[in-house]
Amino acid sequence: MTKKKDVLLKIRNLKIQGYSNESWIDIIKGVDLTLHRGEVMGLIGESGAGKSTIGAACMGYARDGTRIVDSVIEFDGMELTTATEAERRALRGSRIAYVAQSAAASFNPAHKIIDQHTEAPLQYRLKKRLEAQEDAMMLYERLRLPNPKEIGFRYPHQVSGGQLQRAMTAMAMSCRPDLIIFDEPTTALDVTTQIEVLAAIRDIVDQFNTAAIYITHDLAVVAQMADTIKVLLKGEEVEEATTREMLEHPKEDYTKSLWAVRSFESPQRHRPKDGVPLISVRNVDAAYTGGAKVLDDVSFDIYEGMTVAVVGESGSGKSTTARVITGLLPPSKGEVLFKGKPFPADYRDRTKDQLRQCQMIYQMADTALNPKVRISEIIGRPAAFYSGLKGVALKNRVDELLDLIELEPALYYNRYPPELSGGQKQRIGIARALAANPTFIVCDEVTSALDQLVAEGILRLLDRLQNEMNLAYMFITHDLATVRSIADEVVVMQHGKVIEQGPKDEMFQPPHHPYTDLLLSSVPEMDPDWLTTLLEERGIDNVGDAASARIATDDPRVSGTGA
């Protein structure tokens, strides 16, 4: 199909204001944007740059507490700023669709996937139910979902994260929109699943000549997806160019700084020749109630002051292993040792001091922090529980912890989580873990939802704290760039088994286990041709059937990712 090149979306002098401290302040400051039919534009920039706010404005939508002022937003000849709300609503879901970052949070868990898919075409009277269902199955097949005629009749929790993200893309295509807004659609996916989702999105956009805005903080990803890239900073445009030109010859210093991120790499530590591991996982099997085995004979050690990165795709058993270590899921076989002595399998059987030793920092700071509780209480609760601190002593401890995470106590002590950026929230999560004065911390995908500049700051912070406090980390991640930055040793898991482990410097040198090689080769590179070349090398054509397109097993009945 030949792509038309007429203008679909034209935005001029986009200004969006937010209400704060009883006044309106500019958050988007005069951005221009032109998008043609069949074109993909990448919006990149650090947290707070305005990417998602501009994406919403492309639909004529302003979030609560914001307003669009003195702007032109013209979609296919319709001026959205002067259109009625009914006219704008008629576009959303039919001609303009939105794919959110977290599919798991966006689907209704009480309804089957296909029922949610067919809602829009039925509402807009574009198809009858049976026709809409058949169209859904066709889209599932194009998006390389397994069992395309059956998968839609599952509930969202019965499929993996990668499958659900592709199902959301299919749902966005249900009315054959002219424009899709992709808002960080692969951020939380492992590298092998990300490859499939990126290939599927690119193919579906190309097949239907759909224009797209692709919002991301991952520069290597945007290089595979976008025809043009617009760089944003604090609500203003820094520069715009074709993808190749932007990658090869960025003009502005800020853009060059984005290209240079992930320069941090902690010096690798080696385990002592003699000494007892802080944490030992010994021949652990585990299963959830009524389910198949999730962990199969898992064993590895973590020494004081060292970081062990546990990597693998969704369903490999990374987080389940952490649940076993922390006592949230007692193993069906094997044991966990702490300093050479058995750790009670159930956290409820552990002493307060044993509970104190193992803490967690969670992936999604947005959901891990209670939005209605002040920062002082979030950090203060574990400090009071484990140390018995009260009054002035407790306040001093909270201030000390805020200083440790490089947040000014006077500015943040009485704030609430919604008043903080994503990186600041993650720092609060770190402070909460430190409040117990632990020796071991599980870091569960702590940088996956952050832009690369903020993520590097978090990694540097964790490394500094480790050096100052001799902390041991279990770093669960699907980001191999993070592994290179912070790990001392690497454990590779697949289908609940440890398939390879060793010091980082050895793990990144060939020869590799075939699965480790698959993970390493699936990390996107800053080359617009990388994805195309990779798919060709793996024998996957653009619209190949689902069976030939399998890069890694993604059926929950096999991988364990669905339940």
Protein backbone atom coordinates (compact mmCIF):
# COMPACT_ATOMS: atom_id res chain seq x y z
CA MET A 1 0.00 0.00 0.00
CA THR A 2 1.39 3.39 -0.96
CA LYS A 3 1.45 5.82 1.90
CA LYS A 4 -0.29 9.12 1.39
CA LYS A 5 1.73 12.11 2.48
CA ASP A 6 -0.98 14.68 3.14
CA VAL A 7 -1.02 16.33 6.54
CA LEU A 8 -3.19 14.56 9.11
CA LEU A 9 -2.36 16.49 12.28
CA LYS A 10 -1.17 20.06 12.55
CA ILE A 11 -0.45 21.71 15.90
CA ARG A 12 0.67 25.31 16.15
CA ASN A 13 1.85 27.18 19.23
CA LEU A 14 0.62 24.50 21.64
CA LYS A 15 0.35 26.01 25.10
CA ILE A 16 -0.90 24.00 28.05
CA GLN A 17 -1.17 25.38 31.56
CA GLY A 18 -1.39 23.64 34.90
CA TYR A 19 -3.05 24.99 38.02
CA SER A 20 -0.72 25.21 41.02
CA ASN A 21 -0.64 27.39 44.14
CA GLU A 22 -3.79 29.25 43.06
CA SER A 23 -2.38 30.29 39.69
CA TRP A 24 -1.94 28.93 36.16
CA ILE A 25 1.60 28.17 35.01
CA ASP A 26 2.85 27.15 31.55
CA ILE A 27 3.84 23.49 31.26
CA ILE A 28 3.86 23.24 27.43
CA LYS A 29 5.34 26.41 25.95
CA GLY A 30 4.52 26.91 22.29
CA VAL A 31 5.29 23.57 20.62
CA ASP A 32 4.59 23.03 16.91
CA LEU A 33 3.97 19.61 15.36
CA THR A 34 3.11 18.39 11.85
CA LEU A 35 2.29 14.74 11.18
CA HIS A 36 1.51 13.21 7.80
CA ARG A 37 -0.58 10.14 7.09
CA GLY A 38 1.41 6.95 7.53
CA GLU A 39 4.21 8.79 9.37
CA VAL A 40 5.53 7.92 12.84
CA MET A 41 6.90 10.72 14.99
CA GLY A 42 8.90 9.95 18.12
CA LEU A 43 8.60 12.25 21.13
CA ILE A 44 11.55 11.89 23.49
CA GLY A 45 12.85 13.68 26.56
CA GLU A 46 13.31 13.15 30.26
CA SER A 47 10.51 12.96 32.85
CA GLY A 48 8.54 16.21 32.94
CA ALA A 49 9.42 17.13 29.36
CA GLY A 50 5.73 17.13 28.40
CA LYS A 51 5.68 14.07 26.12
CA SER A 52 2.48 12.47 27.46
CA THR A 53 0.79 15.85 27.87
CA ILE A 54 1.39 16.61 24.18
CA GLY A 55 0.21 13.11 23.26
CA ALA A 56 -3.07 13.73 25.06
CA ALA A 57 -3.39 17.15 23.38
CA CYS A 58 -3.22 15.42 19.98
CA MET A 59 -6.66 14.03 20.90
CA GLY A 60 -7.87 17.46 21.98
CA TYR A 61 -7.66 16.31 25.58
CA ALA A 62 -6.25 18.09 28.62
CA ARG A 63 -5.84 16.21 31.88
CA ASP A 64 -7.51 17.30 35.10
CA GLY A 65 -5.91 20.46 36.44
CA THR A 66 -4.64 21.54 33.02
CA ARG A 67 -6.02 23.57 30.14
CA ILE A 68 -5.12 24.21 26.49
CA VAL A 69 -4.85 27.94 25.68
CA ASP A 70 -4.27 30.00 22.53
CA SER A 71 -3.41 26.92 20.46
CA VAL A 72 -4.27 25.41 17.09
CA ILE A 73 -4.84 21.62 17.03
CA GLU A 74 -6.14 20.64 13.61
CA PHE A 75 -6.92 16.97 12.95
CA ASP A 76 -7.82 16.19 9.34
CA GLY A 77 -9.28 19.65 8.90
CA MET A 78 -11.17 19.74 12.25
CA GLU A 79 -10.06 22.32 14.80
CA LEU A 80 -10.16 20.40 18.09
CA THR A 81 -9.81 23.39 20.40
CA THR A 82 -13.10 24.86 19.14
CA ALA A 83 -14.92 21.56 18.53
CA THR A 84 -17.60 20.52 20.99
CA GLU A 85 -16.87 17.85 23.56
CA ALA A 86 -19.26 15.54 21.71
CA GLU A 87 -17.32 16.05 18.47
CA ARG A 88 -14.01 15.31 20.19
CA ARG A 89 -15.44 12.22 21.89
CA ALA A 90 -16.62 10.95 18.51
CA LEU A 91 -13.00 10.98 17.30
CA ARG A 92 -11.45 9.24 20.31
CA GLY A 93 -11.38 5.51 19.94
CA SER A 94 -12.62 5.64 16.35
CA ARG A 95 -10.25 7.87 14.38
CA ILE A 96 -7.71 8.59 17.14
CA ALA A 97 -6.66 5.78 19.46
CA TYR A 98 -4.42 5.62 22.51
CA VAL A 99 -2.16 2.77 23.68
CA ALA A 100 -1.15 3.18 27.32
CA GLN A 101 2.12 2.25 29.00
CA SER A 102 0.63 -0.36 31.31
CA ALA A 103 -1.80 -2.70 29.58
CA ALA A 104 -2.35 -4.58 32.83
CA ALA A 105 -3.64 -1.41 34.50
CA SER A 106 -5.71 -0.36 31.47
CA PHE A 107 -7.77 -3.50 30.82
CA ASN A 108 -10.79 -4.26 32.98
CA PRO A 109 -9.88 -7.50 34.82
CA ALA A 110 -13.54 -8.52 35.08
CA HIS A 111 -14.15 -8.74 31.31
CA LYS A 112 -12.67 -10.95 28.61
CA ILE A 113 -10.17 -9.34 26.26
CA ILE A 114 -12.31 -9.75 23.15
CA ASP A 115 -15.34 -8.13 24.81
CA GLN A 116 -13.24 -5.07 25.55
CA HIS A 117 -11.79 -5.16 22.02
CA THR A 118 -15.21 -5.11 20.35
CA GLU A 119 -16.65 -2.35 22.54
CA ALA A 120 -15.53 0.56 20.34
CA PRO A 121 -16.57 -0.81 16.92
CA LEU A 122 -19.96 -1.75 18.39
CA GLN A 123 -20.38 1.63 20.07
CA TYR A 124 -19.58 3.49 16.85
CA ARG A 125 -21.79 1.06 14.84
CA LEU A 126 -18.91 0.14 12.56
CA LYS A 127 -19.34 -3.63 12.86
CA LYS A 128 -21.73 -6.19 14.24
CA ARG A 129 -20.50 -8.33 17.15
CA LEU A 130 -19.57 -11.44 15.17
CA GLU A 131 -17.82 -9.38 12.51
CA ALA A 132 -15.95 -7.41 15.20
CA GLN A 133 -14.84 -10.66 16.87
CA GLU A 134 -13.59 -12.10 13.58
CA ASP A 135 -11.72 -8.86 12.89
CA ALA A 136 -10.15 -9.06 16.37
CA MET A 137 -8.87 -12.57 15.63
CA MET A 138 -7.36 -11.34 12.36
CA LEU A 139 -5.58 -8.52 14.20
CA TYR A 140 -4.36 -10.92 16.90
CA GLU A 141 -2.82 -13.03 14.16
CA ARG A 142 -1.19 -10.03 12.51
CA LEU A 143 0.21 -9.03 15.90
CA ARG A 144 1.70 -12.51 16.32
CA LEU A 145 -0.38 -13.52 19.31
CA PRO A 146 -0.51 -17.27 20.00
CA ASN A 147 -3.82 -19.06 19.38
CA PRO A 148 -5.39 -15.95 17.80
CA LYS A 149 -8.84 -17.54 17.59
CA GLU A 150 -8.84 -18.36 21.30
CA ILE A 151 -6.69 -15.84 23.17
CA GLY A 152 -9.32 -13.11 23.12
CA PHE A 153 -11.64 -15.27 25.20
CA ARG A 154 -9.23 -15.15 28.14
CA TYR A 155 -9.28 -12.61 30.92
CA PRO A 156 -6.41 -10.08 31.09
CA HIS A 157 -4.73 -11.84 34.01
CA GLN A 158 -4.57 -15.08 32.00
CA VAL A 159 -2.05 -13.77 29.44
CA SER A 160 1.48 -12.42 29.71
CA GLY A 161 2.44 -8.76 29.75
CA GLY A 162 3.75 -8.87 26.20
CA GLN A 163 0.57 -10.54 24.94
CA LEU A 164 -1.61 -8.00 26.73
CA GLN A 165 0.35 -5.09 25.28
CA ARG A 166 -0.19 -6.48 21.77
CA ALA A 167 -3.87 -7.08 22.54
CA MET A 168 -4.13 -3.39 23.48
CA THR A 169 -2.55 -2.44 20.15
CA ALA A 170 -5.08 -4.66 18.39
CA MET A 171 -7.87 -2.98 20.34
CA ALA A 172 -6.57 0.43 19.26
CA MET A 173 -6.74 -0.79 15.64
CA SER A 174 -10.30 -2.12 15.99
CA CYS A 175 -11.85 0.96 14.34
CA ARG A 176 -8.94 1.45 11.90
CA PRO A 177 -7.96 4.86 13.30
CA ASP A 178 -6.01 7.41 11.32
CA LEU A 179 -3.79 8.17 14.31
CA ILE A 180 -2.53 6.14 17.28
CA ILE A 181 -0.77 7.60 20.32
CA PHE A 182 1.69 5.03 21.72
CA ASP A 183 2.65 6.12 25.24
CA GLU A 184 5.71 4.09 26.35
CA PRO A 185 4.15 0.79 25.15
CA THR A 186 7.23 -1.40 25.74
CA THR A 187 8.72 0.16 28.88
CA ALA A 188 7.88 -2.73 31.23
CA LEU A 189 8.62 -5.56 28.77
CA ASP A 190 11.66 -7.81 28.67
CA VAL A 191 13.92 -7.50 25.63
CA THR A 192 12.70 -10.58 23.75
CA THR A 193 9.05 -9.64 24.22
CA GLN A 194 9.85 -6.03 23.33
CA ILE A 195 11.23 -7.15 19.97
CA GLU A 196 7.96 -8.88 19.15
CA VAL A 197 5.84 -5.93 20.24
CA LEU A 198 7.95 -3.41 18.33
CA ALA A 199 7.88 -5.55 15.18
CA ALA A 200 4.13 -6.03 15.52
CA ILE A 201 3.43 -2.32 16.07
CA ARG A 202 5.61 -1.31 13.15
CA ASP A 203 3.98 -3.84 10.84
CA ILE A 204 0.41 -2.98 11.79
CA VAL A 205 1.05 0.76 11.38
CA ASP A 206 2.62 0.14 7.97
CA GLN A 207 -0.10 -2.26 6.78
CA PHE A 208 -2.94 0.15 7.53
CA ASN A 209 -1.11 3.39 6.67
CA THR A 210 -1.76 4.63 10.19
CA ALA A 211 0.03 7.69 11.53
CA ALA A 212 1.48 7.43 15.02
CA ILE A 213 2.97 9.46 17.82
CA TYR A 214 5.47 7.22 19.65
CA ILE A 215 6.31 8.49 23.14
CA THR A 216 9.33 6.93 24.79
CA HIS A 217 12.44 7.59 26.85
CA ASP A 218 14.30 4.72 25.17
CA LEU A 219 16.36 6.21 22.37
CA ALA A 220 17.27 2.87 20.81
CA VAL A 221 13.58 1.94 20.62
CA VAL A 222 12.52 5.20 19.01
CA ALA A 223 15.26 4.71 16.43
CA GLN A 224 13.47 1.55 15.23
CA MET A 225 9.99 3.07 15.15
CA ALA A 226 10.06 6.72 14.10
CA ASP A 227 10.45 8.49 10.77
CA THR A 228 11.12 11.76 12.58
CA ILE A 229 12.09 12.58 16.17
CA LYS A 230 11.14 15.62 18.24
CA VAL A 231 13.22 16.25 21.37
CA LEU A 232 11.51 18.00 24.30
CA LEU A 233 12.76 19.59 27.51
CA LYS A 234 10.57 21.17 30.20
CA GLY A 235 7.67 21.75 27.83
CA GLU A 236 9.70 23.23 25.01
CA GLU A 237 10.96 21.83 21.72
CA VAL A 238 14.74 21.39 21.60
CA GLU A 239 15.02 20.18 18.01
CA GLU A 240 13.34 18.01 15.36
CA ALA A 241 14.83 16.04 12.48
CA THR A 242 14.56 12.78 10.59
CA THR A 243 15.60 9.80 12.68
CA ARG A 244 18.86 9.18 10.83
CA GLU A 245 19.85 12.83 10.93
CA MET A 246 18.99 13.09 14.64
CA LEU A 247 21.02 10.00 15.52
CA GLU A 248 24.02 10.86 13.39
CA HIS A 249 24.13 14.65 13.75
CA PRO A 250 22.22 15.98 16.78
CA LYS A 251 22.58 19.76 16.87
CA GLU A 252 21.75 20.74 20.45
CA ASP A 253 23.83 19.99 23.54
CA TYR A 254 20.81 18.57 25.37
CA THR A 255 20.15 16.08 22.58
CA LYS A 256 23.81 15.07 22.62
CA SER A 257 23.55 14.51 26.39
CA LEU A 258 20.61 12.15 25.85
CA TRP A 259 22.65 10.19 23.33
CA ALA A 260 25.48 9.87 25.88
CA VAL A 261 23.48 8.47 28.83
CA ARG A 262 24.27 5.18 30.49
CA SER A 263 27.92 6.11 30.72
CA PHE A 264 27.92 4.95 34.35
CA GLU A 265 29.47 1.59 35.15
CA SER A 266 30.28 0.55 38.70
CA PRO A 267 33.66 -1.18 39.19
CA GLN A 268 33.06 -4.91 39.36
CA ARG A 269 33.50 -6.55 42.74
CA HIS A 270 34.47 -10.20 43.13
CA ARG A 271 33.24 -12.54 45.82
CA PRO A 272 35.72 -13.37 48.61
CA LYS A 273 37.60 -16.66 48.28
CA ASP A 274 36.69 -17.53 51.85
CA GLY A 275 33.49 -16.43 53.51
CA VAL A 276 29.86 -17.25 53.96
CA PRO A 277 27.30 -15.78 51.52
CA LEU A 278 24.85 -13.32 53.00
CA ILE A 279 21.98 -14.99 51.08
CA SER A 280 22.06 -18.52 49.70
CA VAL A 281 19.24 -19.97 47.61
CA ARG A 282 19.60 -23.74 47.72
CA ASN A 283 17.84 -26.10 45.28
CA VAL A 284 14.54 -24.24 45.53
CA ASP A 285 11.31 -25.42 43.88
CA ALA A 286 8.19 -23.30 44.21
CA ALA A 287 4.62 -23.21 42.90
CA TYR A 288 1.56 -21.06 43.45
CA THR A 289 -1.59 -22.61 44.88
CA GLY A 290 -3.15 -25.00 42.37
CA GLY A 291 -0.57 -24.15 39.71
CA ALA A 292 2.36 -25.76 37.97
CA LYS A 293 5.92 -25.54 39.26
CA VAL A 294 7.26 -22.01 38.82
CA LEU A 295 10.81 -22.50 40.17
CA ASP A 296 12.81 -25.63 39.45
CA ASP A 297 15.99 -26.35 41.45
CA VAL A 298 17.11 -22.71 41.68
CA SER A 299 20.45 -22.09 43.42
CA PHE A 300 22.73 -19.05 43.68
CA ASP A 301 24.59 -16.97 46.30
CA ILE A 302 24.73 -13.27 47.14
CA TYR A 303 27.64 -11.92 49.19
CA GLU A 304 27.78 -8.83 51.39
CA GLY A 305 28.40 -5.59 49.52
CA MET A 306 27.79 -7.19 46.10
CA THR A 307 25.08 -6.95 43.44
CA VAL A 308 23.68 -10.03 41.73
CA ALA A 309 21.54 -9.20 38.69
CA VAL A 310 18.82 -11.76 37.91
CA VAL A 311 17.75 -11.51 34.28
CA GLY A 312 15.32 -13.31 32.00
CA GLU A 313 12.11 -12.71 30.10
CA SER A 314 8.64 -12.49 31.62
CA GLY A 315 7.72 -15.70 33.40
CA SER A 316 11.32 -16.81 33.93
CA GLY A 317 10.90 -16.83 37.72
CA LYS A 318 12.86 -13.71 38.71
CA SER A 319 10.22 -12.10 40.93
CA THR A 320 9.05 -15.46 42.26
CA THR A 321 12.59 -16.12 43.48
CA ALA A 322 12.52 -12.78 45.29
CA ARG A 323 9.21 -13.75 46.90
CA VAL A 324 10.79 -16.97 48.18
CA ILE A 325 13.79 -15.11 49.62
CA THR A 326 11.60 -12.56 51.40
CA GLY A 327 9.29 -15.25 52.80
CA LEU A 328 6.22 -14.26 50.80
CA LEU A 329 6.14 -17.64 49.02
CA PRO A 330 7.45 -20.65 50.98
CA PRO A 331 9.29 -23.09 48.68
CA SER A 332 7.97 -26.60 48.10
CA LYS A 333 11.57 -27.87 48.16
CA GLY A 334 14.96 -26.45 49.10
CA GLU A 335 15.75 -23.57 51.45
CA VAL A 336 17.07 -20.03 51.81
CA LEU A 337 20.04 -19.43 54.10
CA PHE A 338 20.97 -16.12 55.75
CA LYS A 339 24.65 -16.00 56.75
CA GLY A 340 24.76 -19.77 56.53
CA LYS A 341 21.73 -20.39 58.75
CA PRO A 342 18.24 -21.40 57.53
CA PHE A 343 15.80 -18.53 57.05
CA PRO A 344 12.24 -19.42 58.11
CA ALA A 345 10.38 -20.11 54.85
CA ASP A 346 7.30 -18.04 55.85
CA TYR A 347 7.86 -14.38 56.71
CA ARG A 348 5.32 -14.72 59.53
CA ASP A 349 7.72 -17.10 61.27
CA ARG A 350 10.66 -14.69 61.04
CA THR A 351 11.76 -12.51 63.93
CA LYS A 352 11.59 -8.74 63.65
CA ASP A 353 15.37 -8.65 63.14
CA GLN A 354 15.15 -11.24 60.36
CA LEU A 355 12.41 -9.22 58.67
CA ARG A 356 14.54 -6.09 59.00
CA GLN A 357 17.46 -7.68 57.15
CA CYS A 358 15.58 -8.14 53.84
CA GLN A 359 13.79 -5.18 52.23
CA MET A 360 12.37 -4.45 48.78
CA ILE A 361 12.28 -1.55 46.34
CA TYR A 362 9.42 -1.95 43.88
CA GLN A 363 9.16 -1.37 40.14
CA MET A 364 6.23 1.04 40.05
CA ALA A 365 6.75 3.80 42.61
CA ASP A 366 3.36 5.23 41.59
CA THR A 367 1.54 2.20 43.01
CA ALA A 368 4.06 1.35 45.75
CA LEU A 369 3.55 4.62 47.64
CA ASN A 370 0.24 5.54 49.25
CA PRO A 371 -0.75 8.82 47.55
CA LYS A 372 -2.62 10.01 50.65
CA VAL A 373 0.26 9.59 53.12
CA ARG A 374 2.98 12.20 53.63
CA ILE A 375 6.58 11.36 52.75
CA SER A 376 7.57 11.72 56.40
CA GLU A 377 5.16 8.95 57.40
CA ILE A 378 6.05 6.67 54.47
CA ILE A 379 9.71 6.72 55.52
CA GLY A 380 9.01 7.05 59.24
CA ARG A 381 6.83 3.96 59.67
CA PRO A 382 9.57 1.35 59.10
CA ALA A 383 12.05 3.46 61.08
CA ALA A 384 9.64 3.50 64.03
CA PHE A 385 8.71 -0.19 63.67
CA TYR A 386 12.22 -1.61 63.44
CA SER A 387 14.15 0.90 65.56
CA GLY A 388 11.50 2.06 68.03
CA LEU A 389 12.19 5.72 67.25
CA LYS A 390 9.72 8.41 68.28
CA GLY A 391 9.35 12.17 68.31
CA VAL A 392 12.46 14.22 67.55
CA ALA A 393 14.62 11.12 67.09
CA LEU A 394 12.24 9.79 64.42
CA LYS A 395 12.12 13.14 62.62
CA ASN A 396 15.91 13.33 62.65
CA ARG A 397 16.08 9.81 61.19
CA VAL A 398 13.66 10.72 58.38
CA ASP A 399 15.70 13.87 57.65
CA GLU A 400 18.86 11.76 57.58
CA LEU A 401 17.28 9.32 55.11
CA LEU A 402 16.09 12.14 52.86
CA ASP A 403 19.64 13.50 52.84
CA LEU A 404 20.93 10.03 51.93
CA ILE A 405 18.70 9.91 48.84
CA GLU A 406 19.67 13.48 47.91
CA LEU A 407 16.31 15.13 48.57
CA GLU A 408 16.20 18.29 50.69
CA PRO A 409 14.34 17.41 53.94
CA ALA A 410 12.79 20.87 54.31
CA LEU A 411 11.27 20.63 50.84
CA TYR A 412 10.04 17.04 50.87
CA TYR A 413 9.24 16.10 54.47
CA ASN A 414 5.56 17.14 54.30
CA ARG A 415 4.87 16.44 50.64
CA TYR A 416 2.63 13.72 49.23
CA PRO A 417 3.73 11.27 46.49
CA PRO A 418 1.59 12.85 43.72
CA GLU A 419 3.63 16.04 44.17
CA LEU A 420 6.84 14.24 43.17
CA SER A 421 8.35 13.18 39.84
CA GLY A 422 8.84 9.51 38.98
CA GLY A 423 12.51 9.62 39.91
CA GLN A 424 11.78 11.36 43.22
CA LYS A 425 9.15 8.75 44.07
CA GLN A 426 11.64 5.98 43.41
CA ARG A 427 14.11 7.70 45.73
CA ILE A 428 11.43 7.69 48.43
CA GLY A 429 11.02 3.95 47.84
CA ILE A 430 14.76 3.56 48.38
CA ALA A 431 14.62 5.62 51.59
CA ARG A 432 11.74 3.49 52.87
CA ALA A 433 13.80 0.35 52.34
CA LEU A 434 16.83 1.93 54.04
CA ALA A 435 14.72 3.00 57.02
CA ALA A 436 14.80 -0.59 58.31
CA ASN A 437 18.63 -0.53 58.24
CA PRO A 438 18.80 -3.74 56.14
CA THR A 439 21.80 -5.70 54.91
CA PHE A 440 20.06 -7.01 51.76
CA ILE A 441 17.68 -5.27 49.34
CA VAL A 442 15.70 -6.72 46.44
CA CYS A 443 15.56 -4.12 43.65
CA ASP A 444 12.67 -5.24 41.43
CA GLU A 445 12.91 -3.49 38.05
CA VAL A 446 13.49 -0.20 39.89
CA THR A 447 14.57 1.76 36.79
CA SER A 448 12.34 0.25 34.09
CA ALA A 449 9.66 2.95 34.33
CA LEU A 450 12.14 5.85 34.41
CA ASP A 451 13.68 7.81 31.59
CA GLN A 452 17.35 7.13 30.94
CA LEU A 453 18.72 10.27 32.59
CA VAL A 454 16.71 9.67 35.77
CA ALA A 455 17.50 5.94 35.71
CA GLU A 456 21.21 6.66 35.59
CA GLY A 457 20.82 8.92 38.62
CA ILE A 458 19.04 6.13 40.52
CA LEU A 459 21.77 3.63 39.62
CA ARG A 460 24.47 6.03 40.80
CA LEU A 461 22.55 6.57 44.04
CA LEU A 462 22.18 2.84 44.67
CA ASP A 463 25.87 2.31 43.98
CA ARG A 464 26.88 5.07 46.39
CA LEU A 465 24.61 3.72 49.13
CA GLN A 466 25.99 0.24 48.60
CA ASN A 467 29.55 1.47 49.03
CA GLU A 468 28.70 3.54 52.11
CA MET A 469 26.53 0.92 53.84
CA ASN A 470 27.98 -2.37 52.50
CA LEU A 471 24.57 -3.38 51.15
CA ALA A 472 23.92 -6.49 49.08
CA TYR A 473 21.48 -6.19 46.18
CA MET A 474 19.46 -8.68 44.19
CA PHE A 475 18.75 -6.64 41.07
CA ILE A 476 15.82 -8.02 39.06
CA THR A 477 15.86 -6.53 35.58
CA HIS A 478 15.23 -7.18 31.91
CA ASP A 479 17.51 -4.27 30.93
CA LEU A 480 20.97 -5.57 30.09
CA ALA A 481 22.33 -2.02 29.99
CA THR A 482 21.43 -1.83 33.69
CA VAL A 483 23.22 -5.14 34.26
CA ARG A 484 26.37 -3.75 32.67
CA SER A 485 26.11 -0.64 34.84
CA ILE A 486 25.65 -2.09 38.30
CA ALA A 487 26.03 -5.88 38.49
CA ASP A 488 28.93 -7.85 39.93
CA GLU A 489 27.47 -11.26 39.09
CA VAL A 490 24.68 -12.30 36.73
CA VAL A 491 22.10 -15.09 37.05
CA VAL A 492 20.17 -15.93 33.86
CA MET A 493 16.77 -17.61 34.32
CA GLN A 494 14.39 -19.22 31.85
CA HIS A 495 11.17 -21.12 32.62
CA GLY A 496 11.95 -21.16 36.34
CA LYS A 497 15.47 -22.56 36.00
CA VAL A 498 18.92 -21.02 36.33
CA ILE A 499 20.53 -21.72 32.97
CA GLU A 500 23.75 -19.75 33.39
CA GLN A 501 25.47 -17.70 36.10
CA GLY A 502 28.84 -16.14 36.84
CA PRO A 503 30.80 -12.87 37.18
CA LYS A 504 29.59 -10.08 34.90
CA ASP A 505 32.86 -9.81 32.99
CA GLU A 506 32.61 -13.49 32.06
CA MET A 507 28.87 -13.47 31.32
CA PHE A 508 29.19 -10.78 28.65
CA GLN A 509 31.97 -12.63 26.86
CA PRO A 510 31.21 -15.49 24.42
CA PRO A 511 30.58 -18.35 24.29
CA HIS A 512 27.11 -17.96 25.79
CA HIS A 513 24.26 -20.31 26.47
CA PRO A 514 21.89 -19.98 23.46
CA TYR A 515 19.24 -18.27 25.60
CA THR A 516 21.76 -15.80 27.04
CA ASP A 517 22.88 -15.09 23.49
CA LEU A 518 19.23 -14.46 22.54
CA LEU A 519 18.87 -11.93 25.39
CA LEU A 520 22.09 -10.13 24.49
CA SER A 521 21.23 -9.97 20.79
CA SER A 522 17.76 -8.59 21.57
CA VAL A 523 18.99 -5.35 23.17
CA PRO A 524 18.04 -2.52 20.75
CA GLU A 525 20.88 -0.50 19.28
CA MET A 526 21.02 3.13 18.17
CA ASP A 527 20.73 2.11 14.52
CA PRO A 528 17.50 2.62 12.54
CA ASP A 529 18.18 -0.59 10.62
CA TRP A 530 18.80 -2.75 13.70
CA LEU A 531 15.30 -4.21 14.07
CA THR A 532 14.92 -4.94 10.36
CA THR A 533 18.30 -6.65 10.26
CA LEU A 534 17.52 -8.68 13.39
CA LEU A 535 14.19 -9.92 12.02
CA GLU A 536 15.88 -10.92 8.77
CA GLU A 537 18.61 -12.78 10.65
CA ARG A 538 15.98 -14.67 12.62
CA GLY A 539 13.97 -15.49 9.52
CA ILE A 540 10.93 -13.46 10.51
CA ASP A 541 9.20 -11.60 7.71
CA ASN A 542 7.07 -8.56 8.42
CA VAL A 543 3.66 -10.19 8.31
CA GLY A 544 4.68 -13.79 8.95
CA ASP A 545 2.20 -16.07 10.63
CA ALA A 546 2.23 -16.35 14.40
CA ALA A 547 4.05 -19.66 14.48
CA SER A 548 7.02 -18.52 12.41
CA ALA A 549 7.21 -15.24 14.29
CA ARG A 550 7.85 -16.75 17.70
CA ILE A 551 11.09 -15.32 19.01
CA ALA A 552 10.57 -16.74 22.51
CA THR A 553 7.82 -18.81 24.05
CA ASP A 554 5.03 -16.46 25.08
CA ASP A 555 2.17 -18.86 25.76
CA PRO A 556 1.35 -18.68 29.48
CA ARG A 557 0.64 -22.40 29.58
CA VAL A 558 4.27 -23.01 28.67
CA SER A 559 6.13 -20.05 30.16
CA GLY A 560 4.09 -19.59 33.31
CA THR A 561 3.51 -15.90 32.60
CA GLY A 562 -0.25 -15.97 32.42
CA ALA A 563 -1.40 -16.99 35.86
